[in-house]
N, C-alpha and C. Protein backbone atom coordinates (compact mmCIF):
# COMPACT_ATOMS: atom_id res chain seq x y z
N UNK A 1 -1.74 -1.89 -2.51
CA UNK A 1 -2.47 -0.76 -2.45
C UNK A 1 -1.63 0.13 -2.38
N UNK A 2 -2.13 0.64 -3.80
CA UNK A 2 -0.97 2.23 -4.76
C UNK A 2 -1.40 3.32 -3.62
N UNK A 3 -0.22 3.80 -2.56
CA UNK A 3 -0.71 5.08 -2.02
C UNK A 3 -0.97 6.17 -2.61
N UNK A 4 -0.67 6.21 -3.68
CA UNK A 4 0.01 7.77 -4.88
C UNK A 4 -1.74 7.78 -5.85
N UNK A 5 -2.18 6.64 -5.99
CA UNK A 5 -3.15 6.19 -6.72
C UNK A 5 -4.70 6.97 -5.46
N UNK A 6 -4.33 6.23 -4.28
CA UNK A 6 -5.40 6.68 -3.39
C UNK A 6 -5.82 8.03 -3.05
N UNK A 7 -4.19 8.94 -2.95
CA UNK A 7 -4.18 10.36 -2.79
C UNK A 7 -4.98 11.18 -4.46
N UNK A 8 -4.85 10.33 -5.11
CA UNK A 8 -5.10 11.01 -6.31
C UNK A 8 -6.52 10.88 -6.51
N UNK A 9 -6.86 9.39 -6.13
CA UNK A 9 -8.35 9.66 -6.22
C UNK A 9 -9.21 10.22 -5.07
N UNK A 10 -8.96 10.42 -3.90
CA UNK A 10 -9.54 10.81 -3.07
C UNK A 10 -9.47 12.47 -3.55
N UNK A 11 -8.17 13.32 -4.20
CA UNK A 11 -8.50 14.45 -4.38
C UNK A 11 -8.98 14.54 -5.54
N UNK A 12 -9.88 14.24 -6.04
CA UNK A 12 -10.47 14.48 -7.46
C UNK A 12 -11.79 14.53 -7.27
N UNK A 13 -12.15 13.40 -5.94
CA UNK A 13 -13.41 13.38 -5.36
C UNK A 13 -13.62 14.20 -4.67
N UNK A 14 -12.64 14.82 -3.96
CA UNK A 14 -13.03 15.95 -2.89
C UNK A 14 -12.97 16.81 -3.33
N UNK A 15 -12.11 17.30 -4.36
CA UNK A 15 -11.68 18.51 -4.31
C UNK A 15 -13.14 19.44 -4.51
N UNK A 16 -13.96 19.07 -5.28
CA UNK A 16 -15.32 19.97 -5.36
C UNK A 16 -15.73 20.01 -4.51
N UNK A 17 -15.96 19.52 -3.09
CA UNK A 17 -16.54 19.30 -2.30
C UNK A 17 -16.32 20.31 -0.84
N UNK A 18 -14.87 20.85 -1.22
CA UNK A 18 -14.21 20.92 -0.41
C UNK A 18 -14.54 22.91 -0.02
N UNK A 19 -15.24 23.61 -0.90
CA UNK A 19 -15.47 25.12 -0.42
C UNK A 19 -17.32 24.82 0.03
N UNK A 20 -17.21 23.74 -0.15
CA UNK A 20 -18.73 23.45 1.08
C UNK A 20 -17.89 23.22 2.16
N UNK A 21 -16.92 22.42 2.63
CA UNK A 21 -16.89 21.87 3.63
C UNK A 21 -16.40 22.65 4.57
N UNK A 22 -15.46 23.63 4.18
CA UNK A 22 -14.62 24.57 4.59
C UNK A 22 -15.71 25.67 5.30
N UNK A 23 -17.07 26.23 4.33
CA UNK A 23 -17.69 26.46 5.22
C UNK A 23 -18.47 26.30 6.25
N UNK A 24 -18.79 25.18 6.18
CA UNK A 24 -19.37 24.25 7.35
C UNK A 24 -18.58 24.74 8.64
N UNK A 25 -17.04 23.67 8.71
CA UNK A 25 -16.14 23.43 9.80
C UNK A 25 -16.31 25.03 9.93
N UNK A 26 -15.40 25.67 9.56
CA UNK A 26 -14.98 27.20 9.57
C UNK A 26 -13.15 26.80 9.52
N UNK A 27 -12.53 28.03 9.59
CA UNK A 27 -11.29 27.70 8.74
C UNK A 27 -10.26 27.29 10.55
N UNK A 28 -10.64 27.79 11.78
CA UNK A 28 -10.39 27.04 12.75
C UNK A 28 -10.93 26.08 13.53
N UNK A 29 -11.24 25.44 13.10
CA UNK A 29 -11.89 23.97 13.50
C UNK A 29 -10.98 23.15 13.01
N UNK A 30 -10.72 21.85 13.98
CA UNK A 30 -10.37 20.90 13.24
C UNK A 30 -11.22 19.58 13.85
N UNK A 31 -11.22 18.76 12.80
CA UNK A 31 -11.60 17.47 12.24
C UNK A 31 -11.54 16.75 14.06
N UNK A 32 -12.12 15.40 14.27
CA UNK A 32 -11.90 14.97 15.09
C UNK A 32 -10.69 13.58 14.30
N UNK A 33 -9.77 13.20 14.88
CA UNK A 33 -8.61 12.48 14.71
C UNK A 33 -8.92 11.54 16.18
N UNK A 34 -9.69 10.09 15.38
CA UNK A 34 -9.73 8.96 16.53
C UNK A 34 -8.00 8.06 16.06
N UNK A 35 -7.72 7.28 17.67
CA UNK A 35 -7.00 6.00 17.27
C UNK A 35 -7.32 4.96 16.21
N UNK A 36 -8.65 4.25 16.49
CA UNK A 36 -8.97 3.30 15.56
C UNK A 36 -8.41 3.85 13.88
N UNK A 37 -8.74 5.06 13.58
CA UNK A 37 -8.09 5.29 12.31
C UNK A 37 -6.62 4.94 11.56
N UNK A 38 -5.78 5.52 13.07
CA UNK A 38 -4.32 5.43 12.52
C UNK A 38 -4.05 3.49 12.23
N UNK A 39 -5.15 3.07 13.63
CA UNK A 39 -4.81 1.38 13.39
C UNK A 39 -5.54 0.96 12.09
N UNK A 40 -6.59 1.39 12.00
CA UNK A 40 -7.01 0.94 10.44
C UNK A 40 -5.48 1.19 9.01
N UNK A 41 -5.20 2.24 9.47
CA UNK A 41 -3.93 2.58 8.71
C UNK A 41 -3.17 1.49 8.75
N UNK A 42 -3.10 1.22 9.49
CA UNK A 42 -1.96 0.40 10.50
C UNK A 42 -2.28 -1.21 9.60
N UNK A 43 -3.34 -1.22 9.58
CA UNK A 43 -3.68 -2.63 8.91
C UNK A 43 -4.02 -2.61 7.19
N UNK A 44 -3.17 -1.11 7.02
CA UNK A 44 -3.38 -1.25 5.53
C UNK A 44 -4.77 -1.06 4.55
N UNK A 45 -5.84 -0.75 5.24
CA UNK A 45 -7.15 -0.12 5.01
C UNK A 45 -7.20 1.28 4.25
N UNK A 46 -6.97 1.18 3.10
CA UNK A 46 -6.33 2.15 2.48
C UNK A 46 -7.79 3.52 2.42
N UNK A 47 -9.07 2.65 2.57
CA UNK A 47 -10.28 4.09 2.80
C UNK A 47 -9.77 4.93 4.48
N UNK A 48 -9.21 4.12 5.20
CA UNK A 48 -9.02 4.55 6.59
C UNK A 48 -8.05 6.01 6.50
N UNK A 49 -7.01 5.52 5.30
CA UNK A 49 -6.02 6.71 5.15
C UNK A 49 -6.56 7.85 4.37
N UNK A 50 -7.56 7.37 3.10
CA UNK A 50 -8.31 8.08 2.43
C UNK A 50 -9.22 9.54 3.32
N UNK A 51 -9.94 8.78 4.54
CA UNK A 51 -10.29 9.97 5.18
C UNK A 51 -9.12 10.77 5.95
N UNK A 52 -8.55 10.18 6.60
CA UNK A 52 -7.43 10.86 7.08
C UNK A 52 -6.86 12.13 5.99
N UNK A 53 -6.66 11.82 5.30
CA UNK A 53 -6.14 12.78 3.81
C UNK A 53 -7.59 13.65 3.73
N UNK A 54 -8.50 13.81 3.67
CA UNK A 54 -9.85 14.06 3.37
C UNK A 54 -9.97 15.36 4.28
N UNK A 55 -9.78 14.91 6.18
CA UNK A 55 -10.10 15.58 6.67
C UNK A 55 -9.36 16.29 6.83
N UNK A 56 -7.90 15.99 6.85
CA UNK A 56 -6.46 16.85 7.26
C UNK A 56 -5.76 17.75 6.38
N UNK A 57 -5.84 17.48 5.06
CA UNK A 57 -4.86 17.79 4.04
C UNK A 57 -4.96 19.01 4.13
N UNK A 58 -6.07 20.14 4.22
CA UNK A 58 -5.74 21.21 4.26
C UNK A 58 -5.26 21.57 5.52
N UNK A 59 -5.41 21.13 6.73
CA UNK A 59 -5.02 21.58 7.60
C UNK A 59 -2.87 21.52 7.84
N UNK A 60 -2.88 20.37 7.84
CA UNK A 60 -1.29 20.31 7.35
C UNK A 60 -0.75 20.62 6.30
N UNK A 61 -1.21 20.86 5.41
CA UNK A 61 -1.00 21.66 4.15
C UNK A 61 -0.82 23.48 4.79
N UNK A 62 -1.86 24.18 4.82
CA UNK A 62 -1.28 25.45 5.74
C UNK A 62 -0.38 25.21 6.83
N UNK A 63 -0.23 24.66 7.69
CA UNK A 63 0.71 24.27 8.74
C UNK A 63 2.25 24.34 8.26
N UNK A 64 2.07 23.45 7.59
CA UNK A 64 3.69 23.19 6.49
C UNK A 64 3.77 24.46 5.96
N UNK A 65 2.50 24.91 4.88
CA UNK A 65 3.11 26.37 4.41
C UNK A 65 3.79 27.63 5.08
N UNK A 66 2.90 27.92 6.57
CA UNK A 66 3.23 28.79 7.03
C UNK A 66 4.75 28.61 8.04
N UNK A 67 5.18 27.25 8.03
CA UNK A 67 6.38 27.12 8.18
C UNK A 67 7.57 27.17 7.29
N UNK A 68 7.35 26.68 6.24
CA UNK A 68 8.59 26.83 5.05
C UNK A 68 8.17 27.65 4.08
N UNK A 69 7.22 28.92 3.90
CA UNK A 69 7.03 29.81 3.38
C UNK A 69 6.53 29.66 1.92
N UNK A 70 7.15 28.48 1.44
CA UNK A 70 6.54 28.06 -0.11
C UNK A 70 5.85 27.05 -0.71
N UNK A 71 5.22 27.60 -1.26
CA UNK A 71 3.61 26.57 -1.72
C UNK A 71 4.21 25.17 -1.77
N UNK A 72 4.89 25.35 -3.34
CA UNK A 72 5.32 23.92 -3.60
C UNK A 72 6.08 23.20 -2.73
N UNK A 73 6.98 23.37 -2.01
CA UNK A 73 8.01 22.60 -0.95
C UNK A 73 6.74 22.07 0.03
N UNK A 74 5.94 23.27 0.03
CA UNK A 74 4.80 22.61 1.82
C UNK A 74 4.01 21.34 0.84
N UNK A 75 3.62 21.53 -0.62
CA UNK A 75 2.96 20.24 -1.15
C UNK A 75 3.50 19.20 -1.21
N UNK A 76 4.84 19.32 -1.60
CA UNK A 76 5.90 18.00 -1.52
C UNK A 76 5.62 17.32 -0.10
N UNK A 77 6.58 17.97 1.30
CA UNK A 77 6.03 17.20 2.03
C UNK A 77 4.95 16.85 2.87
N UNK A 78 3.73 17.55 2.45
CA UNK A 78 2.45 16.56 2.53
C UNK A 78 2.27 15.80 2.20
N UNK A 79 3.11 15.42 0.84
CA UNK A 79 2.96 14.23 0.65
C UNK A 79 3.96 13.29 1.12
N UNK A 80 4.78 13.62 1.87
CA UNK A 80 5.83 13.01 2.42
C UNK A 80 5.28 12.59 3.35
N UNK A 81 4.51 13.45 4.15
CA UNK A 81 3.96 13.40 5.52
C UNK A 81 3.12 11.82 5.18
N UNK A 82 2.06 11.96 4.04
CA UNK A 82 1.46 10.98 4.48
C UNK A 82 1.96 9.65 4.32
N UNK A 83 2.95 9.39 3.12
CA UNK A 83 3.60 8.78 3.33
C UNK A 83 3.87 7.80 4.06
N UNK A 84 4.62 8.83 5.08
CA UNK A 84 5.15 8.22 6.10
C UNK A 84 3.90 7.73 7.48
N UNK A 85 2.77 8.21 7.26
CA UNK A 85 1.60 7.92 8.27
C UNK A 85 1.28 6.28 7.58
N UNK A 86 1.48 6.45 6.63
CA UNK A 86 1.21 5.33 5.71
C UNK A 86 2.08 4.35 5.94
N UNK A 87 3.15 4.04 5.98
CA UNK A 87 4.38 3.24 6.51
C UNK A 87 4.30 3.04 7.82
N UNK A 88 4.11 4.29 8.31
CA UNK A 88 4.81 4.20 9.74
C UNK A 88 3.23 3.50 11.03
N UNK A 89 1.81 3.63 10.16
CA UNK A 89 0.80 3.54 11.10
C UNK A 89 0.77 2.34 11.78
N UNK A 90 1.61 1.26 11.28
CA UNK A 90 1.44 0.09 11.74
C UNK A 90 2.28 -0.05 13.23
N UNK A 91 2.92 0.80 13.59
CA UNK A 91 3.92 0.96 14.61
C UNK A 91 2.73 1.82 15.86
N UNK A 92 1.76 2.27 15.62
CA UNK A 92 0.88 3.53 16.53
C UNK A 92 0.42 2.32 17.34
N UNK A 93 0.65 3.39 19.17
CA UNK A 93 0.15 1.58 19.86
C UNK A 93 -0.80 2.79 20.82
N UNK A 94 -1.35 3.89 19.99
CA UNK A 94 -2.64 4.71 20.92
C UNK A 94 -1.89 4.49 22.72
N UNK A 95 -0.30 5.05 22.58
CA UNK A 95 0.03 5.63 23.67
C UNK A 95 0.01 7.17 23.74
N UNK A 96 0.04 7.52 22.40
CA UNK A 96 -0.07 9.28 22.11
C UNK A 96 -1.29 9.74 21.78
N UNK A 97 -1.65 10.88 21.56
CA UNK A 97 -2.85 10.99 20.94
C UNK A 97 -2.35 11.40 19.93
N UNK A 98 -3.51 10.79 19.05
CA UNK A 98 -3.14 10.70 17.46
C UNK A 98 -3.38 11.40 16.48
N UNK A 99 -3.18 13.01 17.03
CA UNK A 99 -3.21 14.32 16.27
C UNK A 99 -1.69 14.46 17.13
N UNK A 100 -0.90 14.01 18.18
CA UNK A 100 0.44 14.47 18.45
C UNK A 100 1.14 13.14 17.52
N UNK A 101 0.74 12.19 17.84
CA UNK A 101 1.82 11.27 16.62
C UNK A 101 1.85 12.01 15.18
N UNK A 102 0.74 12.28 14.77
CA UNK A 102 0.59 12.43 13.39
C UNK A 102 1.64 13.68 12.95
N UNK A 103 1.31 14.86 14.21
CA UNK A 103 1.88 15.93 13.89
C UNK A 103 3.36 15.75 14.33
N UNK A 104 4.26 14.62 14.91
CA UNK A 104 5.02 14.26 14.77
C UNK A 104 5.96 14.24 14.07
N UNK A 105 5.30 13.25 13.06
CA UNK A 105 5.72 13.01 11.43
C UNK A 105 5.77 14.56 10.54
N UNK A 106 4.48 15.22 11.24
CA UNK A 106 5.26 16.43 9.87
C UNK A 106 6.17 17.46 11.21
N UNK A 107 6.84 17.75 11.78
CA UNK A 107 7.60 18.25 12.66
C UNK A 107 8.48 17.74 12.10
N UNK A 108 8.83 16.22 11.70
CA UNK A 108 10.25 15.68 11.46
C UNK A 108 10.42 15.37 10.04
N UNK A 109 9.39 16.08 9.25
CA UNK A 109 9.22 16.47 8.20
C UNK A 109 9.73 17.76 7.30
N UNK A 110 9.67 18.53 8.29
CA UNK A 110 9.86 19.73 7.99
C UNK A 110 11.40 20.02 8.27
N UNK A 111 11.46 19.16 9.57
CA UNK A 111 12.82 19.56 10.50
C UNK A 111 13.83 18.79 8.97
N UNK A 112 13.13 17.43 8.69
CA UNK A 112 14.12 17.62 7.58
C UNK A 112 14.30 18.54 6.16
N UNK A 113 13.53 19.25 5.72
CA UNK A 113 13.91 20.12 4.63
C UNK A 113 14.93 21.36 5.18
N UNK A 114 14.51 21.55 6.69
CA UNK A 114 15.04 22.73 6.62
C UNK A 114 16.65 22.25 7.13
N UNK A 115 16.69 20.89 7.78
CA UNK A 115 18.42 20.74 7.39
C UNK A 115 18.43 20.62 6.10
N UNK A 116 18.04 20.12 5.08
CA UNK A 116 18.69 19.59 3.85
C UNK A 116 18.83 20.89 3.36
N UNK A 117 18.12 21.87 3.29
CA UNK A 117 18.20 23.66 2.76
C UNK A 117 19.47 24.38 3.27
N UNK A 118 18.96 24.10 4.69
CA UNK A 118 20.20 25.13 5.80
C UNK A 118 19.59 26.33 5.04
N UNK A 119 18.54 26.91 4.86
CA UNK A 119 18.31 28.17 4.55
C UNK A 119 16.70 28.66 5.40
N UNK A 120 17.27 28.49 6.67
CA UNK A 120 16.07 28.89 7.42
C UNK A 120 15.48 30.09 7.87
N UNK A 121 16.66 30.82 7.66
CA UNK A 121 16.27 32.50 7.48
C UNK A 121 15.48 33.02 6.40
N UNK A 122 15.85 32.53 5.30
CA UNK A 122 15.13 32.54 3.47
C UNK A 122 13.96 31.97 4.24
N UNK A 123 13.58 30.86 4.96
CA UNK A 123 12.38 30.26 4.83
C UNK A 123 11.36 31.71 5.32
N UNK A 124 11.79 32.05 6.30
CA UNK A 124 11.30 32.71 7.58
C UNK A 124 10.75 33.91 6.67
N UNK A 125 11.38 34.15 6.09
CA UNK A 125 11.16 35.73 5.67
C UNK A 125 10.08 35.22 3.94
N UNK A 126 10.24 34.50 3.44
CA UNK A 126 9.34 33.96 2.88
C UNK A 126 8.26 33.39 2.83
N UNK A 127 7.43 33.46 4.51
CA UNK A 127 6.73 32.91 5.05
C UNK A 127 5.59 34.29 5.32
N UNK A 128 6.70 35.46 5.49
CA UNK A 128 5.50 36.46 5.01
C UNK A 128 4.73 36.72 3.73
N UNK A 129 5.32 35.99 2.82
CA UNK A 129 4.96 36.54 1.54
C UNK A 129 3.91 35.35 1.20
N UNK A 130 4.17 34.20 2.11
CA UNK A 130 3.28 33.05 2.10
C UNK A 130 1.63 33.55 2.51
N UNK A 131 1.75 34.32 3.89
CA UNK A 131 0.81 34.34 4.41
C UNK A 131 0.02 35.48 3.69
N UNK A 132 1.14 36.64 2.85
CA UNK A 132 -0.10 37.42 1.93
C UNK A 132 -0.79 37.24 0.59
N UNK A 133 -0.04 35.99 0.25
CA UNK A 133 -0.77 34.71 -0.90
C UNK A 133 -1.90 34.68 -0.61
N UNK A 134 -1.40 33.94 0.85
CA UNK A 134 -3.00 32.72 1.78
C UNK A 134 -4.31 34.00 1.46
N UNK A 135 -3.85 35.49 2.04
CA UNK A 135 -5.14 36.40 2.21
C UNK A 135 -5.77 36.20 0.60
N UNK A 136 -5.07 36.45 -0.71
CA UNK A 136 -5.67 36.32 -1.56
C UNK A 136 -6.40 35.25 -2.40
N UNK A 137 -6.16 34.40 -0.98
CA UNK A 137 -6.95 33.14 -1.64
C UNK A 137 -8.35 32.70 -1.03
N UNK A 138 -9.08 34.04 -0.69
CA UNK A 138 -10.54 33.71 -0.41
C UNK A 138 -10.34 33.54 1.27
N UNK A 139 -9.16 33.12 1.70
CA UNK A 139 -9.22 33.15 3.52
C UNK A 139 -9.72 34.64 4.07
N UNK A 140 -10.59 34.10 5.11
CA UNK A 140 -10.93 35.43 5.72
C UNK A 140 -9.74 36.60 6.48
N UNK A 141 -9.96 37.68 6.14
CA UNK A 141 -8.83 39.11 5.86
C UNK A 141 -8.48 38.73 7.76
N UNK A 142 -9.52 38.54 8.59
CA UNK A 142 -9.22 38.67 10.26
C UNK A 142 -7.85 37.59 10.24
N UNK A 143 -8.25 36.10 9.79
CA UNK A 143 -7.68 35.39 10.23
C UNK A 143 -5.86 35.96 9.64
N UNK A 144 -5.99 36.33 8.51
CA UNK A 144 -4.39 36.35 7.65
C UNK A 144 -3.70 37.99 9.00
N UNK A 145 -4.42 38.33 9.69
CA UNK A 145 -4.08 39.58 10.63
C UNK A 145 -3.84 38.99 11.46
N UNK A 146 -4.38 37.65 12.08
CA UNK A 146 -3.96 37.13 13.11
C UNK A 146 -2.80 36.45 12.84
N UNK A 147 -2.41 36.14 11.89
CA UNK A 147 -1.20 35.22 11.28
C UNK A 147 0.17 36.16 11.20
N UNK A 148 -0.14 37.57 10.91
CA UNK A 148 0.74 38.28 10.76
C UNK A 148 0.90 38.79 12.48
N UNK A 149 0.00 38.88 13.60
CA UNK A 149 0.34 39.46 14.49
C UNK A 149 1.02 38.79 14.98
N UNK A 150 1.20 37.09 15.06
CA UNK A 150 1.86 36.08 15.61
C UNK A 150 3.08 36.23 15.26
N UNK A 151 3.50 36.58 14.31
CA UNK A 151 5.03 36.80 13.89
C UNK A 151 5.78 37.52 14.82
N UNK A 152 4.88 38.66 15.78
CA UNK A 152 5.84 39.63 16.45
C UNK A 152 5.86 38.39 18.26
N UNK A 153 5.21 37.33 17.70
CA UNK A 153 5.54 36.46 19.01
C UNK A 153 6.90 36.08 18.93
N UNK A 154 7.62 35.38 20.37
CA UNK A 154 8.97 34.81 19.90
C UNK A 154 8.58 33.23 19.46
N UNK A 155 9.57 32.76 18.44
CA UNK A 155 9.14 31.33 17.75
C UNK A 155 8.88 30.26 18.98
N UNK A 156 8.93 29.99 19.90
CA UNK A 156 8.15 29.17 21.05
C UNK A 156 6.90 29.03 21.30
N UNK A 157 6.54 30.29 21.52
CA UNK A 157 5.29 31.22 21.54
C UNK A 157 4.18 30.97 20.49
N UNK A 158 4.59 31.38 19.26
CA UNK A 158 3.99 30.93 18.23
C UNK A 158 3.83 29.74 17.58
N UNK A 159 5.21 28.99 17.85
CA UNK A 159 4.46 27.61 17.29
C UNK A 159 3.09 26.78 18.53
N UNK A 160 2.98 27.50 19.59
CA UNK A 160 2.37 27.09 20.87
C UNK A 160 0.76 27.18 20.53
N UNK A 161 0.99 28.57 19.93
CA UNK A 161 -0.84 29.07 19.79
C UNK A 161 -1.03 28.60 18.61
N UNK A 162 -0.05 28.39 17.62
CA UNK A 162 -0.33 27.42 16.23
C UNK A 162 -0.50 25.98 16.43
N UNK A 163 -0.16 25.50 17.45
CA UNK A 163 -0.82 24.09 17.87
C UNK A 163 -2.42 24.24 18.33
N UNK A 164 -2.40 25.40 19.39
CA UNK A 164 -3.85 25.12 20.09
C UNK A 164 -5.22 25.59 19.37
N UNK A 165 -4.72 26.93 18.88
CA UNK A 165 -5.70 27.85 18.16
C UNK A 165 -5.99 27.70 16.81
N UNK A 166 -5.22 26.59 15.71
CA UNK A 166 -5.39 26.35 14.17
C UNK A 166 -4.93 24.96 14.67
N UNK A 167 -4.37 24.14 15.36
CA UNK A 167 -4.76 23.04 14.92
C UNK A 167 -5.44 21.52 15.76
N UNK A 168 -5.77 22.71 16.89
CA UNK A 168 -6.58 22.57 17.75
C UNK A 168 -6.07 21.10 19.06
N UNK A 169 -4.48 21.08 19.25
CA UNK A 169 -4.54 20.48 20.28
C UNK A 169 -5.02 20.81 21.16
N UNK A 170 -5.09 20.35 22.63
CA UNK A 170 -5.38 20.85 23.83
C UNK A 170 -3.63 20.67 24.87
N UNK A 171 -3.33 21.60 25.57
CA UNK A 171 -2.65 21.67 26.82
C UNK A 171 -1.58 20.85 26.77
N UNK A 172 -1.49 19.39 27.13
CA UNK A 172 -1.59 18.19 27.13
C UNK A 172 -0.41 17.58 25.74
N UNK A 173 -1.35 17.71 25.05
CA UNK A 173 -1.17 17.37 23.55
C UNK A 173 0.49 18.57 23.16
N UNK A 174 -0.39 19.85 23.15
CA UNK A 174 0.66 20.98 22.78
C UNK A 174 2.58 20.57 23.43
N UNK A 175 1.91 20.22 25.22
CA UNK A 175 3.52 20.22 25.91
C UNK A 175 4.02 18.98 25.74
N UNK A 176 3.21 17.86 25.08
CA UNK A 176 3.89 16.75 24.68
C UNK A 176 4.87 17.24 23.61
N UNK A 177 4.05 17.31 22.29
CA UNK A 177 4.54 17.68 20.51
C UNK A 177 6.29 18.16 20.81
N UNK A 178 5.64 19.74 22.18
CA UNK A 178 7.04 20.45 22.00
C UNK A 178 7.83 19.71 23.40
N UNK A 179 7.76 19.16 23.87
CA UNK A 179 8.53 18.50 24.90
C UNK A 179 8.86 19.42 25.75
N UNK A 180 7.84 19.93 26.07
CA UNK A 180 8.32 21.19 27.55
C UNK A 180 7.04 20.89 28.63
N UNK A 181 7.04 21.42 29.71
CA UNK A 181 5.87 21.27 31.07
C UNK A 181 4.69 21.66 30.45
N UNK A 182 3.34 21.41 30.70
CA UNK A 182 2.27 22.17 30.96
C UNK A 182 2.02 23.48 31.03
N UNK A 183 3.33 23.53 32.53
CA UNK A 183 2.65 24.85 32.84
C UNK A 183 3.42 25.86 32.27
N UNK A 184 4.44 25.94 30.85
CA UNK A 184 5.00 26.46 30.05
C UNK A 184 3.86 26.57 29.49
N UNK A 185 3.49 25.96 28.48
CA UNK A 185 2.47 26.04 27.82
C UNK A 185 1.57 27.13 27.99
N UNK A 186 1.27 26.98 29.02
CA UNK A 186 -0.13 27.58 29.75
C UNK A 186 0.31 29.28 29.60
N UNK A 187 1.63 29.60 30.24
CA UNK A 187 2.09 30.67 30.61
C UNK A 187 2.69 31.19 29.61
N UNK A 188 2.60 30.87 27.88
CA UNK A 188 2.91 31.49 27.12
C UNK A 188 1.57 32.08 26.11
N UNK A 189 0.93 30.46 26.57
CA UNK A 189 -0.36 31.20 25.83
C UNK A 189 -0.70 32.61 26.94
N UNK A 190 -0.56 32.58 27.96
CA UNK A 190 -1.52 33.96 29.12
C UNK A 190 -0.72 34.85 28.56
N UNK A 191 1.00 35.09 28.22
CA UNK A 191 1.46 35.92 28.45
C UNK A 191 1.21 36.54 26.28
N UNK A 192 1.46 35.48 26.09
CA UNK A 192 0.91 35.72 24.33
C UNK A 192 -0.81 36.28 23.94
N UNK A 193 -1.44 36.04 24.69
CA UNK A 193 -3.39 36.46 24.38
C UNK A 193 -2.75 38.16 25.26
N UNK A 194 -2.00 38.36 25.70
CA UNK A 194 -1.86 39.76 26.25
C UNK A 194 -1.32 40.81 24.78
N UNK A 195 -0.06 40.12 24.41
CA UNK A 195 0.85 40.68 23.19
C UNK A 195 0.16 40.79 21.81
N UNK A 196 -0.61 39.39 21.45
CA UNK A 196 -1.27 39.86 20.36
C UNK A 196 -2.79 40.18 20.72
N UNK A 197 -3.29 40.70 21.21
CA UNK A 197 -4.46 41.16 21.95
C UNK A 197 -3.73 43.46 21.53
N UNK A 198 -2.82 43.40 22.19
CA UNK A 198 -2.07 44.64 21.87
C UNK A 198 -1.80 44.78 20.28
N UNK A 199 -1.06 43.93 19.38
CA UNK A 199 -0.82 43.60 18.36
C UNK A 199 -2.23 44.20 17.40
N UNK A 200 -3.31 43.19 17.56
CA UNK A 200 -4.65 43.15 16.75
C UNK A 200 -4.93 44.62 16.97
N UNK A 201 -4.90 45.26 18.29
CA UNK A 201 -5.72 46.83 19.14
C UNK A 201 -4.61 48.04 17.95
N UNK A 202 -3.25 47.79 18.05
CA UNK A 202 -2.43 48.68 17.42
C UNK A 202 -2.00 49.42 18.51
N UNK A 203 -2.15 48.76 19.51
CA UNK A 203 -1.28 48.78 20.84
C UNK A 203 -0.20 48.69 20.33
N UNK A 204 1.05 49.46 21.77
CA UNK A 204 2.50 49.15 21.56
C UNK A 204 3.11 48.12 21.51
């Protein structure tokens, strides 16, 4: 099976339906990801890869885009992620939550980019432009405001908020992904919510 042929075919058939699906699901909801999907991909089932790509490409793309601040780079990393999933899914043993496993690959590819470029500060500044551009592509203005407010949090808290409230991780999945205790996740959420509320309400 040609991996890129499947992605291209999936994109052509699904692109016209995306607006409708986005309206039904909502921008802050995440589709379910079952272990069976990764196991099927590991067996070389191209349709399972198509389903994963169809359901998760937008979520993963905007997460990467937010982190690197460049649309073309984010698209390249997205393709690298799905290629890595295709090559590595046979090693999935259902010991980690599927979403955690997938996003460990996402994080690895993002880290690869930063290591290669050695321009983390430049990428962080570019993320502000990415958020402004995102607002201009028919995304709800309120979501952009929330993402802008997230910039006021320290990096680890910001990452935890993205994992839980944008990507749908639960506390245990976020803790495993970040390699920190669950209590730390809960604490970051508790104090982060207060700061975000103050930012969104125009407080100090």
